[in-house]
């Protein structure tokens, strides 16, 4: 599984308070990927992907990752 960093329910809820994506309904790790931890989030506003970059990423490279 490509989830290298576990995230707890309370920590995730606190983190998501900084975003306008609704209230967390559920989340699960995504097995695909080789370097980062990826999670499928379901909120009251829809479905989202959360990626935790496990390696330091150059800010100039973020548009490529987010594309």
PDB file of N, CA and C in Angstrom:
ATOM      1  N   UNK A   1       0.846  -1.182   0.000  1.00  0.00           N
ATOM      2  CA  UNK A   1       0.000   0.000   0.000  1.00  0.00           C
ATOM      3  C   UNK A   1       0.885   1.236   0.000  1.00  0.00           C
ATOM      4  N   UNK A   2       0.491   2.236  -0.707  1.00  0.00           N
ATOM      5  CA  UNK A   2       1.286   3.448  -0.813  1.00  0.00           C
ATOM      6  C   UNK A   2       0.845   4.506   0.200  1.00  0.00           C
ATOM      7  N   UNK A   3       0.553   4.078   1.405  1.00  0.00           N
ATOM      8  CA  UNK A   3       0.286   5.035   2.473  1.00  0.00           C
ATOM      9  C   UNK A   3       1.425   4.871   3.459  1.00  0.00           C
ATOM     10  N   UNK A   4       2.315   5.835   3.462  1.00  0.00           N
ATOM     11  CA  UNK A   4       3.501   5.769   4.297  1.00  0.00           C
ATOM     12  C   UNK A   4       3.306   6.521   5.611  1.00  0.00           C
ATOM     13  N   UNK A   5       2.405   7.476   5.608  1.00  0.00           N
ATOM     14  CA  UNK A   5       2.106   8.251   6.803  1.00  0.00           C
ATOM     15  C   UNK A   5       0.645   8.033   7.171  1.00  0.00           C
ATOM     16  N   UNK A   6       0.438   7.462   8.350  1.00  0.00           N
ATOM     17  CA  UNK A   6      -0.935   7.301   8.826  1.00  0.00           C
ATOM     18  C   UNK A   6      -1.436   8.639   9.342  1.00  0.00           C
ATOM     19  N   UNK A   7      -2.705   8.885   9.153  1.00  0.00           N
ATOM     20  CA  UNK A   7      -3.315  10.110   9.656  1.00  0.00           C
ATOM     21  C   UNK A   7      -4.567   9.711  10.438  1.00  0.00           C
ATOM     22  N   UNK A   8      -4.682  10.270  11.617  1.00  0.00           N
ATOM     23  CA  UNK A   8      -5.821   9.948  12.465  1.00  0.00           C
ATOM     24  C   UNK A   8      -7.041  10.790  12.120  1.00  0.00           C
ATOM     25  N   UNK A   9      -8.191  10.285  12.494  1.00  0.00           N
ATOM     26  CA  UNK A   9      -9.454  10.946  12.218  1.00  0.00           C
ATOM     27  C   UNK A   9      -9.482  12.366  12.797  1.00  0.00           C
ATOM     28  N   UNK A  10      -9.068  12.521  14.038  1.00  0.00           N
ATOM     29  CA  UNK A  10      -9.085  13.840  14.688  1.00  0.00           C
ATOM     30  C   UNK A  10      -8.132  14.811  13.994  1.00  0.00           C
ATOM     31  N   UNK A  11      -6.931  14.335  13.656  1.00  0.00           N
ATOM     32  CA  UNK A  11      -5.951  15.192  12.974  1.00  0.00           C
ATOM     33  C   UNK A  11      -6.459  15.621  11.606  1.00  0.00           C
ATOM     34  N   UNK A  12      -7.062  14.699  10.882  1.00  0.00           N
ATOM     35  CA  UNK A  12      -7.569  15.016   9.553  1.00  0.00           C
ATOM     36  C   UNK A  12      -8.711  16.027   9.639  1.00  0.00           C
ATOM     37  N   UNK A  13      -9.618  15.828  10.574  1.00  0.00           N
ATOM     38  CA  UNK A  13     -10.725  16.778  10.743  1.00  0.00           C
ATOM     39  C   UNK A  13     -10.188  18.177  11.070  1.00  0.00           C
ATOM     40  N   UNK A  14      -9.200  18.259  11.932  1.00  0.00           N
ATOM     41  CA  UNK A  14      -8.610  19.555  12.289  1.00  0.00           C
ATOM     42  C   UNK A  14      -7.943  20.193  11.073  1.00  0.00           C
ATOM     43  N   UNK A  15      -7.219  19.411  10.287  1.00  0.00           N
ATOM     44  CA  UNK A  15      -6.548  19.911   9.093  1.00  0.00           C
ATOM     45  C   UNK A  15      -7.565  20.459   8.084  1.00  0.00           C
ATOM     46  N   UNK A  16      -8.657  19.740   7.894  1.00  0.00           N
ATOM     47  CA  UNK A  16      -9.652  20.124   6.891  1.00  0.00           C
ATOM     48  C   UNK A  16     -10.439  21.373   7.272  1.00  0.00           C
ATOM     49  N   UNK A  17     -10.378  21.776   8.531  1.00  0.00           N
ATOM     50  CA  UNK A  17     -11.062  23.004   8.944  1.00  0.00           C
ATOM     51  C   UNK A  17     -10.527  24.223   8.195  1.00  0.00           C
ATOM     52  N   UNK A  18      -9.309  24.137   7.685  1.00  0.00           N
ATOM     53  CA  UNK A  18      -8.705  25.236   6.947  1.00  0.00           C
ATOM     54  C   UNK A  18      -9.155  25.332   5.495  1.00  0.00           C
ATOM     55  N   UNK A  19     -10.040  24.439   5.075  1.00  0.00           N
ATOM     56  CA  UNK A  19     -10.484  24.399   3.685  1.00  0.00           C
ATOM     57  C   UNK A  19     -12.009  24.406   3.628  1.00  0.00           C
ATOM     58  N   UNK A  20     -12.544  24.945   2.577  1.00  0.00           N
ATOM     59  CA  UNK A  20     -14.001  25.009   2.401  1.00  0.00           C
ATOM     60  C   UNK A  20     -14.476  23.836   1.549  1.00  0.00           C
ATOM     61  N   UNK A  21     -14.321  22.625   2.089  1.00  0.00           N
ATOM     62  CA  UNK A  21     -14.729  21.440   1.325  1.00  0.00           C
ATOM     63  C   UNK A  21     -15.761  20.615   2.083  1.00  0.00           C
ATOM     64  N   UNK A  22     -16.399  21.189   3.069  1.00  0.00           N
ATOM     65  CA  UNK A  22     -17.423  20.483   3.826  1.00  0.00           C
ATOM     66  C   UNK A  22     -16.844  19.722   4.999  1.00  0.00           C
ATOM     67  N   UNK A  23     -17.697  18.918   5.598  1.00  0.00           N
ATOM     68  CA  UNK A  23     -17.340  18.124   6.771  1.00  0.00           C
ATOM     69  C   UNK A  23     -16.957  16.717   6.348  1.00  0.00           C
ATOM     70  N   UNK A  24     -15.909  16.185   6.952  1.00  0.00           N
ATOM     71  CA  UNK A  24     -15.437  14.845   6.624  1.00  0.00           C
ATOM     72  C   UNK A  24     -16.508  13.801   6.938  1.00  0.00           C
ATOM     73  N   UNK A  25     -16.777  12.943   5.957  1.00  0.00           N
ATOM     74  CA  UNK A  25     -17.708  11.829   6.125  1.00  0.00           C
ATOM     75  C   UNK A  25     -16.920  10.538   6.296  1.00  0.00           C
ATOM     76  N   UNK A  26     -15.918  10.331   5.407  1.00  0.00           N
ATOM     77  CA  UNK A  26     -15.080   9.134   5.481  1.00  0.00           C
ATOM     78  C   UNK A  26     -13.775   9.384   4.737  1.00  0.00           C
ATOM     79  N   UNK A  27     -12.786   8.530   5.010  1.00  0.00           N
ATOM     80  CA  UNK A  27     -11.535   8.567   4.257  1.00  0.00           C
ATOM     81  C   UNK A  27     -10.887   7.190   4.308  1.00  0.00           C
ATOM     82  N   UNK A  28     -10.074   6.932   3.274  1.00  0.00           N
ATOM     83  CA  UNK A  28      -9.344   5.662   3.204  1.00  0.00           C
ATOM     84  C   UNK A  28      -8.062   5.872   2.428  1.00  0.00           C
ATOM     85  N   UNK A  29      -7.061   5.084   2.724  1.00  0.00           N
ATOM     86  CA  UNK A  29      -5.814   5.141   1.986  1.00  0.00           C
ATOM     87  C   UNK A  29      -5.988   4.574   0.588  1.00  0.00           C
ATOM     88  N   UNK A  30      -5.212   5.092  -0.348  1.00  0.00           N
ATOM     89  CA  UNK A  30      -5.226   4.627  -1.735  1.00  0.00           C
ATOM     90  C   UNK A  30      -3.952   3.821  -1.963  1.00  0.00           C
ATOM     91  N   UNK A  31      -4.093   2.616  -2.468  1.00  0.00           N
ATOM     92  CA  UNK A  31      -2.959   1.715  -2.631  1.00  0.00           C
ATOM     93  C   UNK A  31      -1.996   2.145  -3.730  1.00  0.00           C
ATOM     94  N   UNK A  32      -2.476   2.857  -4.753  1.00  0.00           N
ATOM     95  CA  UNK A  32      -1.625   3.241  -5.864  1.00  0.00           C
ATOM     96  C   UNK A  32      -0.653   4.336  -5.432  1.00  0.00           C
ATOM     97  N   UNK A  33       0.492   4.370  -6.083  1.00  0.00           N
ATOM     98  CA  UNK A  33       1.495   5.384  -5.795  1.00  0.00           C
ATOM     99  C   UNK A  33       2.765   4.746  -5.267  1.00  0.00           C
ATOM    100  N   UNK A  34       3.862   5.466  -5.408  1.00  0.00           N
ATOM    101  CA  UNK A  34       5.138   4.897  -4.979  1.00  0.00           C
ATOM    102  C   UNK A  34       5.907   5.776  -3.999  1.00  0.00           C
ATOM    103  N   UNK A  35       5.656   7.083  -3.968  1.00  0.00           N
ATOM    104  CA  UNK A  35       6.436   7.960  -3.107  1.00  0.00           C
ATOM    105  C   UNK A  35       5.625   8.729  -2.078  1.00  0.00           C
ATOM    106  N   UNK A  36       4.348   8.919  -2.316  1.00  0.00           N
ATOM    107  CA  UNK A  36       3.541   9.773  -1.453  1.00  0.00           C
ATOM    108  C   UNK A  36       2.395   8.984  -0.834  1.00  0.00           C
ATOM    109  N   UNK A  37       1.846   9.514   0.252  1.00  0.00           N
ATOM    110  CA  UNK A  37       0.663   8.914   0.863  1.00  0.00           C
ATOM    111  C   UNK A  37      -0.565   9.589   0.263  1.00  0.00           C
ATOM    112  N   UNK A  38      -1.485   8.782  -0.239  1.00  0.00           N
ATOM    113  CA  UNK A  38      -2.681   9.298  -0.897  1.00  0.00           C
ATOM    114  C   UNK A  38      -3.927   8.766  -0.199  1.00  0.00           C
ATOM    115  N   UNK A  39      -4.906   9.640  -0.054  1.00  0.00           N
ATOM    116  CA  UNK A  39      -6.147   9.284   0.618  1.00  0.00           C
ATOM    117  C   UNK A  39      -7.344   9.760  -0.199  1.00  0.00           C
ATOM    118  N   UNK A  40      -8.369   8.944  -0.230  1.00  0.00           N
ATOM    119  CA  UNK A  40      -9.649   9.350  -0.810  1.00  0.00           C
ATOM    120  C   UNK A  40     -10.481   9.903   0.336  1.00  0.00           C
ATOM    121  N   UNK A  41     -10.933  11.151   0.196  1.00  0.00           N
ATOM    122  CA  UNK A  41     -11.766  11.788   1.210  1.00  0.00           C
ATOM    123  C   UNK A  41     -13.176  11.943   0.673  1.00  0.00           C
ATOM    124  N   UNK A  42     -14.154  11.647   1.481  1.00  0.00           N
ATOM    125  CA  UNK A  42     -15.543  11.951   1.152  1.00  0.00           C
ATOM    126  C   UNK A  42     -16.015  12.952   2.199  1.00  0.00           C
ATOM    127  N   UNK A  43     -16.509  14.093   1.714  1.00  0.00           N
ATOM    128  CA  UNK A  43     -17.029  15.123   2.602  1.00  0.00           C
ATOM    129  C   UNK A  43     -18.477  15.401   2.228  1.00  0.00           C
ATOM    130  N   UNK A  44     -19.101  16.272   2.989  1.00  0.00           N
ATOM    131  CA  UNK A  44     -20.478  16.654   2.685  1.00  0.00           C
ATOM    132  C   UNK A  44     -20.567  17.445   1.385  1.00  0.00           C
ATOM    133  N   UNK A  45     -19.420  17.879   0.842  1.00  0.00           N
ATOM    134  CA  UNK A  45     -19.396  18.641  -0.411  1.00  0.00           C
ATOM    135  C   UNK A  45     -18.925  17.831  -1.605  1.00  0.00           C
ATOM    136  N   UNK A  46     -18.473  16.594  -1.393  1.00  0.00           N
ATOM    137  CA  UNK A  46     -18.025  15.777  -2.517  1.00  0.00           C
ATOM    138  C   UNK A  46     -16.846  14.898  -2.169  1.00  0.00           C
ATOM    139  N   UNK A  47     -16.202  14.367  -3.215  1.00  0.00           N
ATOM    140  CA  UNK A  47     -15.055  13.480  -3.072  1.00  0.00           C
ATOM    141  C   UNK A  47     -13.779  14.229  -3.444  1.00  0.00           C
ATOM    142  N   UNK A  48     -12.714  13.957  -2.686  1.00  0.00           N
ATOM    143  CA  UNK A  48     -11.440  14.641  -2.887  1.00  0.00           C
ATOM    144  C   UNK A  48     -10.296  13.654  -2.693  1.00  0.00           C
ATOM    145  N   UNK A  49      -9.130  14.023  -3.224  1.00  0.00           N
ATOM    146  CA  UNK A  49      -7.900  13.270  -3.010  1.00  0.00           C
ATOM    147  C   UNK A  49      -6.962  14.138  -2.189  1.00  0.00           C
ATOM    148  N   UNK A  50      -6.418  13.568  -1.121  1.00  0.00           N
ATOM    149  CA  UNK A  50      -5.408  14.244  -0.302  1.00  0.00           C
ATOM    150  C   UNK A  50      -4.087  13.532  -0.532  1.00  0.00           C
ATOM    151  N   UNK A  51      -3.062  14.264  -0.946  1.00  0.00           N
ATOM    152  CA  UNK A  51      -1.725  13.713  -1.128  1.00  0.00           C
ATOM    153  C   UNK A  51      -0.797  14.340  -0.110  1.00  0.00           C
ATOM    154  N   UNK A  52      -0.110  13.500   0.653  1.00  0.00           N
ATOM    155  CA  UNK A  52       0.928  13.953   1.567  1.00  0.00           C
ATOM    156  C   UNK A  52       2.266  13.663   0.894  1.00  0.00           C
ATOM    157  N   UNK A  53       2.973  14.705   0.545  1.00  0.00           N
ATOM    158  CA  UNK A  53       4.265  14.530  -0.122  1.00  0.00           C
ATOM    159  C   UNK A  53       5.284  14.060   0.898  1.00  0.00           C
ATOM    160  N   UNK A  54       5.823  12.874   0.684  1.00  0.00           N
ATOM    161  CA  UNK A  54       6.741  12.259   1.628  1.00  0.00           C
ATOM    162  C   UNK A  54       8.169  12.765   1.473  1.00  0.00           C
ATOM    163  N   UNK A  55       8.477  13.283   0.320  1.00  0.00           N
ATOM    164  CA  UNK A  55       9.811  13.842   0.073  1.00  0.00           C
ATOM    165  C   UNK A  55       9.667  15.334  -0.111  1.00  0.00           C
ATOM    166  N   UNK A  56      10.718  16.054   0.168  1.00  0.00           N
ATOM    167  CA  UNK A  56      10.689  17.501  -0.040  1.00  0.00           C
ATOM    168  C   UNK A  56      10.498  17.766  -1.530  1.00  0.00           C
ATOM    169  N   UNK A  57       9.509  18.578  -1.847  1.00  0.00           N
ATOM    170  CA  UNK A  57       9.190  18.899  -3.227  1.00  0.00           C
ATOM    171  C   UNK A  57       9.509  20.373  -3.465  1.00  0.00           C
ATOM    172  N   UNK A  58      10.199  20.638  -4.547  1.00  0.00           N
ATOM    173  CA  UNK A  58      10.499  22.009  -4.933  1.00  0.00           C
ATOM    174  C   UNK A  58       9.182  22.689  -5.314  1.00  0.00           C
ATOM    175  N   UNK A  59       8.938  23.870  -4.763  1.00  0.00           N
ATOM    176  CA  UNK A  59       7.677  24.581  -5.026  1.00  0.00           C
ATOM    177  C   UNK A  59       7.441  24.792  -6.518  1.00  0.00           C
ATOM    178  N   UNK A  60       8.496  24.944  -7.294  1.00  0.00           N
ATOM    179  CA  UNK A  60       8.358  25.142  -8.734  1.00  0.00           C
ATOM    180  C   UNK A  60       7.819  23.893  -9.427  1.00  0.00           C
ATOM    181  N   UNK A  61       7.948  22.720  -8.793  1.00  0.00           N
ATOM    182  CA  UNK A  61       7.467  21.474  -9.378  1.00  0.00           C
ATOM    183  C   UNK A  61       6.017  21.169  -9.023  1.00  0.00           C
ATOM    184  N   UNK A  62       5.430  21.904  -8.083  1.00  0.00           N
ATOM    185  CA  UNK A  62       4.060  21.618  -7.667  1.00  0.00           C
ATOM    186  C   UNK A  62       3.025  21.686  -8.797  1.00  0.00           C
ATOM    187  N   UNK A  63       3.112  22.648  -9.718  1.00  0.00           N
ATOM    188  CA  UNK A  63       2.126  22.647 -10.805  1.00  0.00           C
ATOM    189  C   UNK A  63       2.099  21.324 -11.589  1.00  0.00           C
ATOM    190  N   UNK A  64       3.252  20.701 -11.774  1.00  0.00           N
ATOM    191  CA  UNK A  64       3.289  19.423 -12.449  1.00  0.00           C
ATOM    192  C   UNK A  64       2.545  18.367 -11.647  1.00  0.00           C
ATOM    193  N   UNK A  65       2.804  18.291 -10.341  1.00  0.00           N
ATOM    194  CA  UNK A  65       2.130  17.316  -9.483  1.00  0.00           C
ATOM    195  C   UNK A  65       0.620  17.571  -9.442  1.00  0.00           C
ATOM    196  N   UNK A  66       0.227  18.824  -9.384  1.00  0.00           N
ATOM    197  CA  UNK A  66      -1.189  19.161  -9.266  1.00  0.00           C
ATOM    198  C   UNK A  66      -1.933  19.066 -10.589  1.00  0.00           C
ATOM    199  N   UNK A  67      -1.186  19.035 -11.691  1.00  0.00           N
ATOM    200  CA  UNK A  67      -1.816  18.916 -13.004  1.00  0.00           C
ATOM    201  C   UNK A  67      -2.384  17.551 -13.194  1.00  0.00           C
TER     202      UNK A  67
END
